[in-house]
Amino acid sequence: MDMTEDVFADQNYGKAALQKMAPTDPNFRLYLAGWLGKKPPFEVMEVKGAVFRHATRGPNKGKLSIMVPGTTRTVHVTATEIASIEATA
């Protein structure tokens, strides 16, 4: 998977998560997000990110696709925080 484009960072929950995680490396990417809880209304979302590096060989050579060990970060973003990002957009 090529992580060159940070798709989650363009979403409101991604923006809120990156604010909590700041400062981050230029190759830091969000790679997992999901609501916590078993049924609506969902109030808290867990978002994970890590630093990725470019592959030097193999089918993904040149792509930002290798997760750097020990760089994973996790934050919890509330529905209120996401709504405040939506309101400022």
PDB file of N, CA and C in Angstrom:
ATOM      1  N   MET A   1       0.849  -1.180   0.000  1.00  0.00           N
ATOM      2  CA  MET A   1       0.000   0.000   0.000  1.00  0.00           C
ATOM      3  C   MET A   1       0.894   1.243   0.000  1.00  0.00           C
ATOM      4  N   ASP A   2       0.576   2.193  -0.842  1.00  0.00           N
ATOM      5  CA  ASP A   2       1.344   3.433  -0.927  1.00  0.00           C
ATOM      6  C   ASP A   2       0.700   4.483  -0.029  1.00  0.00           C
ATOM      7  N   MET A   3       1.456   4.967   0.939  1.00  0.00           N
ATOM      8  CA  MET A   3       0.954   5.945   1.906  1.00  0.00           C
ATOM      9  C   MET A   3       1.373   7.371   1.548  1.00  0.00           C
ATOM     10  N   THR A   4       1.768   7.600   0.288  1.00  0.00           N
ATOM     11  CA  THR A   4       2.197   8.933  -0.119  1.00  0.00           C
ATOM     12  C   THR A   4       1.096   9.953   0.123  1.00  0.00           C
ATOM     13  N   GLU A   5      -0.120   9.620  -0.255  1.00  0.00           N
ATOM     14  CA  GLU A   5      -1.260  10.509  -0.012  1.00  0.00           C
ATOM     15  C   GLU A   5      -1.882  10.154   1.336  1.00  0.00           C
ATOM     16  N   ASP A   6      -2.001  11.143   2.207  1.00  0.00           N
ATOM     17  CA  ASP A   6      -2.560  10.926   3.544  1.00  0.00           C
ATOM     18  C   ASP A   6      -4.065  11.162   3.493  1.00  0.00           C
ATOM     19  N   VAL A   7      -4.815  10.134   3.124  1.00  0.00           N
ATOM     20  CA  VAL A   7      -6.257  10.227   2.900  1.00  0.00           C
ATOM     21  C   VAL A   7      -7.002  10.614   4.180  1.00  0.00           C
ATOM     22  N   PHE A   8      -6.650  10.018   5.311  1.00  0.00           N
ATOM     23  CA  PHE A   8      -7.339  10.295   6.567  1.00  0.00           C
ATOM     24  C   PHE A   8      -7.139  11.737   7.025  1.00  0.00           C
ATOM     25  N   ALA A   9      -6.025  12.340   6.677  1.00  0.00           N
ATOM     26  CA  ALA A   9      -5.720  13.703   7.134  1.00  0.00           C
ATOM     27  C   ALA A   9      -6.693  14.728   6.562  1.00  0.00           C
ATOM     28  N   ASP A  10      -7.360  14.400   5.467  1.00  0.00           N
ATOM     29  CA  ASP A  10      -8.321  15.316   4.848  1.00  0.00           C
ATOM     30  C   ASP A  10      -9.700  15.246   5.498  1.00  0.00           C
ATOM     31  N   GLN A  11      -9.932  14.225   6.323  1.00  0.00           N
ATOM     32  CA  GLN A  11     -11.217  14.055   6.995  1.00  0.00           C
ATOM     33  C   GLN A  11     -11.221  14.862   8.299  1.00  0.00           C
ATOM     34  N   ASN A  12     -12.397  15.225   8.760  1.00  0.00           N
ATOM     35  CA  ASN A  12     -12.500  16.019   9.988  1.00  0.00           C
ATOM     36  C   ASN A  12     -11.932  15.284  11.199  1.00  0.00           C
ATOM     37  N   TYR A  13     -12.184  13.985  11.305  1.00  0.00           N
ATOM     38  CA  TYR A  13     -11.622  13.229  12.428  1.00  0.00           C
ATOM     39  C   TYR A  13     -10.104  13.156  12.326  1.00  0.00           C
ATOM     40  N   GLY A  14      -9.577  13.103  11.109  1.00  0.00           N
ATOM     41  CA  GLY A  14      -8.128  13.091  10.904  1.00  0.00           C
ATOM     42  C   GLY A  14      -7.489  14.405  11.297  1.00  0.00           C
ATOM     43  N   LYS A  15      -8.153  15.499  10.966  1.00  0.00           N
ATOM     44  CA  LYS A  15      -7.645  16.816  11.354  1.00  0.00           C
ATOM     45  C   LYS A  15      -7.608  16.955  12.860  1.00  0.00           C
ATOM     46  N   ALA A  16      -8.668  16.503  13.532  1.00  0.00           N
ATOM     47  CA  ALA A  16      -8.720  16.570  14.994  1.00  0.00           C
ATOM     48  C   ALA A  16      -7.635  15.687  15.610  1.00  0.00           C
ATOM     49  N   ALA A  17      -7.431  14.503  15.054  1.00  0.00           N
ATOM     50  CA  ALA A  17      -6.406  13.590  15.571  1.00  0.00           C
ATOM     51  C   ALA A  17      -5.012  14.165  15.382  1.00  0.00           C
ATOM     52  N   LEU A  18      -4.750  14.739  14.218  1.00  0.00           N
ATOM     53  CA  LEU A  18      -3.424  15.303  13.967  1.00  0.00           C
ATOM     54  C   LEU A  18      -3.129  16.489  14.884  1.00  0.00           C
ATOM     55  N   GLN A  19      -4.159  17.253  15.245  1.00  0.00           N
ATOM     56  CA  GLN A  19      -3.960  18.344  16.206  1.00  0.00           C
ATOM     57  C   GLN A  19      -3.497  17.791  17.549  1.00  0.00           C
ATOM     58  N   LYS A  20      -4.076  16.656  17.963  1.00  0.00           N
ATOM     59  CA  LYS A  20      -3.691  16.042  19.234  1.00  0.00           C
ATOM     60  C   LYS A  20      -2.308  15.399  19.164  1.00  0.00           C
ATOM     61  N   MET A  21      -1.923  14.915  17.986  1.00  0.00           N
ATOM     62  CA  MET A  21      -0.650  14.215  17.821  1.00  0.00           C
ATOM     63  C   MET A  21       0.522  15.149  17.525  1.00  0.00           C
ATOM     64  N   ALA A  22       0.249  16.398  17.218  1.00  0.00           N
ATOM     65  CA  ALA A  22       1.296  17.335  16.799  1.00  0.00           C
ATOM     66  C   ALA A  22       2.366  17.458  17.870  1.00  0.00           C
ATOM     67  N   PRO A  23       3.597  17.635  17.498  1.00  0.00           N
ATOM     68  CA  PRO A  23       4.155  17.674  16.139  1.00  0.00           C
ATOM     69  C   PRO A  23       4.401  16.264  15.606  1.00  0.00           C
ATOM     70  N   THR A  24       4.387  16.133  14.289  1.00  0.00           N
ATOM     71  CA  THR A  24       4.613  14.833  13.655  1.00  0.00           C
ATOM     72  C   THR A  24       5.676  14.950  12.577  1.00  0.00           C
ATOM     73  N   ASP A  25       6.234  13.834  12.220  1.00  0.00           N
ATOM     74  CA  ASP A  25       7.231  13.724  11.161  1.00  0.00           C
ATOM     75  C   ASP A  25       6.553  13.971   9.804  1.00  0.00           C
ATOM     76  N   PRO A  26       7.272  14.490   8.811  1.00  0.00           N
ATOM     77  CA  PRO A  26       6.660  14.692   7.487  1.00  0.00           C
ATOM     78  C   PRO A  26       6.113  13.405   6.856  1.00  0.00           C
ATOM     79  N   ASN A  27       6.670  12.256   7.223  1.00  0.00           N
ATOM     80  CA  ASN A  27       6.194  10.980   6.687  1.00  0.00           C
ATOM     81  C   ASN A  27       5.247  10.263   7.640  1.00  0.00           C
ATOM     82  N   PHE A  28       4.694  10.981   8.595  1.00  0.00           N
ATOM     83  CA  PHE A  28       3.700  10.422   9.514  1.00  0.00           C
ATOM     84  C   PHE A  28       2.367  10.358   8.790  1.00  0.00           C
ATOM     85  N   ARG A  29       1.715   9.193   8.855  1.00  0.00           N
ATOM     86  CA  ARG A  29       0.425   9.012   8.200  1.00  0.00           C
ATOM     87  C   ARG A  29      -0.553   8.339   9.155  1.00  0.00           C
ATOM     88  N   LEU A  30      -1.805   8.753   9.089  1.00  0.00           N
ATOM     89  CA  LEU A  30      -2.875   8.065   9.807  1.00  0.00           C
ATOM     90  C   LEU A  30      -3.229   6.837   8.992  1.00  0.00           C
ATOM     91  N   TYR A  31      -3.384   5.694   9.667  1.00  0.00           N
ATOM     92  CA  TYR A  31      -3.666   4.477   8.916  1.00  0.00           C
ATOM     93  C   TYR A  31      -4.855   3.672   9.437  1.00  0.00           C
ATOM     94  N   LEU A  32      -5.433   4.057  10.583  1.00  0.00           N
ATOM     95  CA  LEU A  32      -6.553   3.300  11.130  1.00  0.00           C
ATOM     96  C   LEU A  32      -7.445   4.235  11.928  1.00  0.00           C
ATOM     97  N   ALA A  33      -8.755   4.124  11.731  1.00  0.00           N
ATOM     98  CA  ALA A  33      -9.709   4.935  12.488  1.00  0.00           C
ATOM     99  C   ALA A  33     -11.007   4.161  12.631  1.00  0.00           C
ATOM    100  N   GLY A  34     -11.588   4.248  13.815  1.00  0.00           N
ATOM    101  CA  GLY A  34     -12.857   3.564  14.028  1.00  0.00           C
ATOM    102  C   GLY A  34     -13.534   4.024  15.300  1.00  0.00           C
ATOM    103  N   TRP A  35     -14.851   3.978  15.289  1.00  0.00           N
ATOM    104  CA  TRP A  35     -15.633   4.356  16.457  1.00  0.00           C
ATOM    105  C   TRP A  35     -15.510   3.277  17.523  1.00  0.00           C
ATOM    106  N   LEU A  36     -15.438   3.687  18.778  1.00  0.00           N
ATOM    107  CA  LEU A  36     -15.418   2.756  19.900  1.00  0.00           C
ATOM    108  C   LEU A  36     -16.840   2.597  20.428  1.00  0.00           C
ATOM    109  N   GLY A  37     -17.180   1.415  20.873  1.00  0.00           N
ATOM    110  CA  GLY A  37     -18.525   1.152  21.376  1.00  0.00           C
ATOM    111  C   GLY A  37     -19.240   0.161  20.482  1.00  0.00           C
ATOM    112  N   LYS A  38     -20.327  -0.371  20.999  1.00  0.00           N
ATOM    113  CA  LYS A  38     -21.050  -1.418  20.282  1.00  0.00           C
ATOM    114  C   LYS A  38     -22.266  -0.922  19.520  1.00  0.00           C
ATOM    115  N   LYS A  39     -22.818   0.229  19.923  1.00  0.00           N
ATOM    116  CA  LYS A  39     -23.992   0.715  19.210  1.00  0.00           C
ATOM    117  C   LYS A  39     -24.071   2.240  19.297  1.00  0.00           C
ATOM    118  N   PRO A  40     -24.749   2.854  18.349  1.00  0.00           N
ATOM    119  CA  PRO A  40     -24.886   4.318  18.359  1.00  0.00           C
ATOM    120  C   PRO A  40     -25.626   4.799  19.588  1.00  0.00           C
ATOM    121  N   PRO A  41     -25.478   6.005  20.020  1.00  0.00           N
ATOM    122  CA  PRO A  41     -24.641   7.023  19.386  1.00  0.00           C
ATOM    123  C   PRO A  41     -23.171   6.835  19.763  1.00  0.00           C
ATOM    124  N   PHE A  42     -22.310   6.879  18.765  1.00  0.00           N
ATOM    125  CA  PHE A  42     -20.877   6.744  18.990  1.00  0.00           C
ATOM    126  C   PHE A  42     -20.322   8.091  19.431  1.00  0.00           C
ATOM    127  N   GLU A  43     -19.523   8.094  20.458  1.00  0.00           N
ATOM    128  CA  GLU A  43     -18.993   9.333  21.018  1.00  0.00           C
ATOM    129  C   GLU A  43     -17.484   9.474  20.898  1.00  0.00           C
ATOM    130  N   VAL A  44     -16.768   8.348  20.793  1.00  0.00           N
ATOM    131  CA  VAL A  44     -15.305   8.396  20.778  1.00  0.00           C
ATOM    132  C   VAL A  44     -14.770   7.571  19.616  1.00  0.00           C
ATOM    133  N   MET A  45     -13.825   8.161  18.881  1.00  0.00           N
ATOM    134  CA  MET A  45     -13.175   7.474  17.775  1.00  0.00           C
ATOM    135  C   MET A  45     -11.698   7.288  18.113  1.00  0.00           C
ATOM    136  N   GLU A  46     -11.184   6.096  17.843  1.00  0.00           N
ATOM    137  CA  GLU A  46      -9.768   5.818  18.028  1.00  0.00           C
ATOM    138  C   GLU A  46      -9.076   5.980  16.684  1.00  0.00           C
ATOM    139  N   VAL A  47      -7.978   6.741  16.662  1.00  0.00           N
ATOM    140  CA  VAL A  47      -7.238   6.998  15.428  1.00  0.00           C
ATOM    141  C   VAL A  47      -5.770   6.650  15.670  1.00  0.00           C
ATOM    142  N   LYS A  48      -5.191   5.873  14.744  1.00  0.00           N
ATOM    143  CA  LYS A  48      -3.788   5.467  14.862  1.00  0.00           C
ATOM    144  C   LYS A  48      -3.002   5.983  13.671  1.00  0.00           C
ATOM    145  N   GLY A  49      -1.746   6.294  13.931  1.00  0.00           N
ATOM    146  CA  GLY A  49      -0.850   6.742  12.882  1.00  0.00           C
ATOM    147  C   GLY A  49       0.560   6.297  13.181  1.00  0.00           C
ATOM    148  N   ALA A  50       1.421   6.380  12.171  1.00  0.00           N
ATOM    149  CA  ALA A  50       2.818   5.991  12.329  1.00  0.00           C
ATOM    150  C   ALA A  50       3.639   6.660  11.238  1.00  0.00           C
ATOM    151  N   VAL A  51       4.936   6.634  11.410  1.00  0.00           N
ATOM    152  CA  VAL A  51       5.858   7.119  10.391  1.00  0.00           C
ATOM    153  C   VAL A  51       6.086   5.977   9.405  1.00  0.00           C
ATOM    154  N   PHE A  52       6.070   6.305   8.124  1.00  0.00           N
ATOM    155  CA  PHE A  52       6.334   5.332   7.068  1.00  0.00           C
ATOM    156  C   PHE A  52       7.581   5.754   6.316  1.00  0.00           C
ATOM    157  N   ARG A  53       8.289   4.770   5.775  1.00  0.00           N
ATOM    158  CA  ARG A  53       9.470   5.059   4.953  1.00  0.00           C
ATOM    159  C   ARG A  53       9.279   4.438   3.574  1.00  0.00           C
ATOM    160  N   HIS A  54      10.112   4.883   2.630  1.00  0.00           N
ATOM    161  CA  HIS A  54      10.032   4.374   1.262  1.00  0.00           C
ATOM    162  C   HIS A  54      10.684   2.998   1.178  1.00  0.00           C
ATOM    163  N   ALA A  55      10.041   2.097   0.457  1.00  0.00           N
ATOM    164  CA  ALA A  55      10.610   0.772   0.220  1.00  0.00           C
ATOM    165  C   ALA A  55      11.788   0.903  -0.730  1.00  0.00           C
ATOM    166  N   THR A  56      12.844   0.149  -0.480  1.00  0.00           N
ATOM    167  CA  THR A  56      14.039   0.228  -1.325  1.00  0.00           C
ATOM    168  C   THR A  56      14.134  -0.920  -2.318  1.00  0.00           C
ATOM    169  N   ARG A  57      13.264  -1.938  -2.164  1.00  0.00           N
ATOM    170  CA  ARG A  57      13.257  -3.049  -3.106  1.00  0.00           C
ATOM    171  C   ARG A  57      11.882  -3.718  -3.065  1.00  0.00           C
ATOM    172  N   GLY A  58      11.673  -4.620  -4.002  1.00  0.00           N
ATOM    173  CA  GLY A  58      10.413  -5.344  -4.055  1.00  0.00           C
ATOM    174  C   GLY A  58       9.363  -4.631  -4.882  1.00  0.00           C
ATOM    175  N   PRO A  59       8.131  -5.150  -4.859  1.00  0.00           N
ATOM    176  CA  PRO A  59       7.064  -4.596  -5.714  1.00  0.00           C
ATOM    177  C   PRO A  59       6.646  -3.177  -5.322  1.00  0.00           C
ATOM    178  N   ASN A  60       6.915  -2.758  -4.085  1.00  0.00           N
ATOM    179  CA  ASN A  60       6.559  -1.403  -3.650  1.00  0.00           C
ATOM    180  C   ASN A  60       7.754  -0.463  -3.633  1.00  0.00           C
ATOM    181  N   LYS A  61       8.815  -0.802  -4.345  1.00  0.00           N
ATOM    182  CA  LYS A  61      10.026   0.008  -4.380  1.00  0.00           C
ATOM    183  C   LYS A  61       9.688   1.454  -4.732  1.00  0.00           C
ATOM    184  N   GLY A  62      10.179   2.370  -3.908  1.00  0.00           N
ATOM    185  CA  GLY A  62       9.949   3.792  -4.142  1.00  0.00           C
ATOM    186  C   GLY A  62       8.676   4.330  -3.526  1.00  0.00           C
ATOM    187  N   LYS A  63       7.826   3.449  -3.027  1.00  0.00           N
ATOM    188  CA  LYS A  63       6.563   3.875  -2.419  1.00  0.00           C
ATOM    189  C   LYS A  63       6.727   4.029  -0.913  1.00  0.00           C
ATOM    190  N   LEU A  64       6.009   4.966  -0.353  1.00  0.00           N
ATOM    191  CA  LEU A  64       5.998   5.182   1.090  1.00  0.00           C
ATOM    192  C   LEU A  64       5.120   4.083   1.686  1.00  0.00           C
ATOM    193  N   SER A  65       5.720   2.924   1.999  1.00  0.00           N
ATOM    194  CA  SER A  65       4.899   1.770   2.345  1.00  0.00           C
ATOM    195  C   SER A  65       5.400   0.945   3.529  1.00  0.00           C
ATOM    196  N   ILE A  66       6.523   1.282   4.101  1.00  0.00           N
ATOM    197  CA  ILE A  66       7.072   0.502   5.207  1.00  0.00           C
ATOM    198  C   ILE A  66       6.878   1.276   6.510  1.00  0.00           C
ATOM    199  N   MET A  67       6.100   0.697   7.445  1.00  0.00           N
ATOM    200  CA  MET A  67       5.886   1.343   8.738  1.00  0.00           C
ATOM    201  C   MET A  67       7.161   1.224   9.572  1.00  0.00           C
ATOM    202  N   VAL A  68       7.611   2.347  10.121  1.00  0.00           N
ATOM    203  CA  VAL A  68       8.814   2.369  10.949  1.00  0.00           C
ATOM    204  C   VAL A  68       8.438   1.864  12.346  1.00  0.00           C
ATOM    205  N   PRO A  69       9.085   0.794  12.811  1.00  0.00           N
ATOM    206  CA  PRO A  69       8.760   0.242  14.131  1.00  0.00           C
ATOM    207  C   PRO A  69       8.956   1.278  15.246  1.00  0.00           C
ATOM    208  N   GLY A  70       8.063   1.241  16.216  1.00  0.00           N
ATOM    209  CA  GLY A  70       8.178   2.119  17.378  1.00  0.00           C
ATOM    210  C   GLY A  70       7.654   3.530  17.179  1.00  0.00           C
ATOM    211  N   THR A  71       7.011   3.796  16.041  1.00  0.00           N
ATOM    212  CA  THR A  71       6.523   5.153  15.778  1.00  0.00           C
ATOM    213  C   THR A  71       5.007   5.269  15.836  1.00  0.00           C
ATOM    214  N   THR A  72       4.322   4.185  16.180  1.00  0.00           N
ATOM    215  CA  THR A  72       2.860   4.202  16.220  1.00  0.00           C
ATOM    216  C   THR A  72       2.367   5.077  17.359  1.00  0.00           C
ATOM    217  N   ARG A  73       1.364   5.908  17.054  1.00  0.00           N
ATOM    218  CA  ARG A  73       0.723   6.767  18.051  1.00  0.00           C
ATOM    219  C   ARG A  73      -0.781   6.601  17.929  1.00  0.00           C
ATOM    220  N   THR A  74      -1.458   6.617  19.089  1.00  0.00           N
ATOM    221  CA  THR A  74      -2.908   6.447  19.137  1.00  0.00           C
ATOM    222  C   THR A  74      -3.523   7.585  19.928  1.00  0.00           C
ATOM    223  N   VAL A  75      -4.606   8.156  19.407  1.00  0.00           N
ATOM    224  CA  VAL A  75      -5.356   9.180  20.140  1.00  0.00           C
ATOM    225  C   VAL A  75      -6.835   8.833  20.069  1.00  0.00           C
ATOM    226  N   HIS A  76      -7.580   9.402  21.000  1.00  0.00           N
ATOM    227  CA  HIS A  76      -9.034   9.262  21.007  1.00  0.00           C
ATOM    228  C   HIS A  76      -9.634  10.639  20.741  1.00  0.00           C
ATOM    229  N   VAL A  77     -10.504  10.691  19.758  1.00  0.00           N
ATOM    230  CA  VAL A  77     -11.138  11.931  19.343  1.00  0.00           C
ATOM    231  C   VAL A  77     -12.632  11.813  19.630  1.00  0.00           C
ATOM    232  N   THR A  78     -13.197  12.813  20.275  1.00  0.00           N
ATOM    233  CA  THR A  78     -14.623  12.775  20.601  1.00  0.00           C
ATOM    234  C   THR A  78     -15.459  13.344  19.455  1.00  0.00           C
ATOM    235  N   ALA A  79     -16.722  13.003  19.466  1.00  0.00           N
ATOM    236  CA  ALA A  79     -17.653  13.524  18.454  1.00  0.00           C
ATOM    237  C   ALA A  79     -17.731  15.044  18.533  1.00  0.00           C
ATOM    238  N   THR A  80     -17.611  15.588  19.741  1.00  0.00           N
ATOM    239  CA  THR A  80     -17.623  17.044  19.926  1.00  0.00           C
ATOM    240  C   THR A  80     -16.423  17.693  19.249  1.00  0.00           C
ATOM    241  N   GLU A  81     -15.247  17.073  19.387  1.00  0.00           N
ATOM    242  CA  GLU A  81     -14.036  17.611  18.742  1.00  0.00           C
ATOM    243  C   GLU A  81     -14.159  17.565  17.226  1.00  0.00           C
ATOM    244  N   ILE A  82     -14.733  16.493  16.699  1.00  0.00           N
ATOM    245  CA  ILE A  82     -14.927  16.371  15.265  1.00  0.00           C
ATOM    246  C   ILE A  82     -15.917  17.430  14.777  1.00  0.00           C
ATOM    247  N   ALA A  83     -16.978  17.644  15.552  1.00  0.00           N
ATOM    248  CA  ALA A  83     -17.976  18.655  15.178  1.00  0.00           C
ATOM    249  C   ALA A  83     -17.369  20.051  15.175  1.00  0.00           C
ATOM    250  N   SER A  84     -16.452  20.319  16.100  1.00  0.00           N
ATOM    251  CA  SER A  84     -15.829  21.657  16.131  1.00  0.00           C
ATOM    252  C   SER A  84     -14.942  21.875  14.911  1.00  0.00           C
ATOM    253  N   ILE A  85     -14.322  20.817  14.416  1.00  0.00           N
ATOM    254  CA  ILE A  85     -13.518  20.917  13.173  1.00  0.00           C
ATOM    255  C   ILE A  85     -14.465  21.189  11.995  1.00  0.00           C
ATOM    256  N   GLU A  86     -15.605  20.510  11.967  1.00  0.00           N
ATOM    257  CA  GLU A  86     -16.584  20.718  10.903  1.00  0.00           C
ATOM    258  C   GLU A  86     -17.095  22.161  10.906  1.00  0.00           C
ATOM    259  N   ALA A  87     -17.280  22.712  12.098  1.00  0.00           N
ATOM    260  CA  ALA A  87     -17.818  24.068  12.209  1.00  0.00           C
ATOM    261  C   ALA A  87     -16.826  25.113  11.703  1.00  0.00           C
ATOM    262  N   THR A  88     -15.528  24.841  11.837  1.00  0.00           N
ATOM    263  CA  THR A  88     -14.522  25.811  11.377  1.00  0.00           C
ATOM    264  C   THR A  88     -14.186  25.645   9.915  1.00  0.00           C
ATOM    265  N   ALA A  89     -14.634  24.559   9.290  1.00  0.00           N
ATOM    266  CA  ALA A  89     -14.310  24.306   7.879  1.00  0.00           C
ATOM    267  C   ALA A  89     -15.137  25.149   6.938  1.00  0.00           C
TER     268      ALA A  89
END
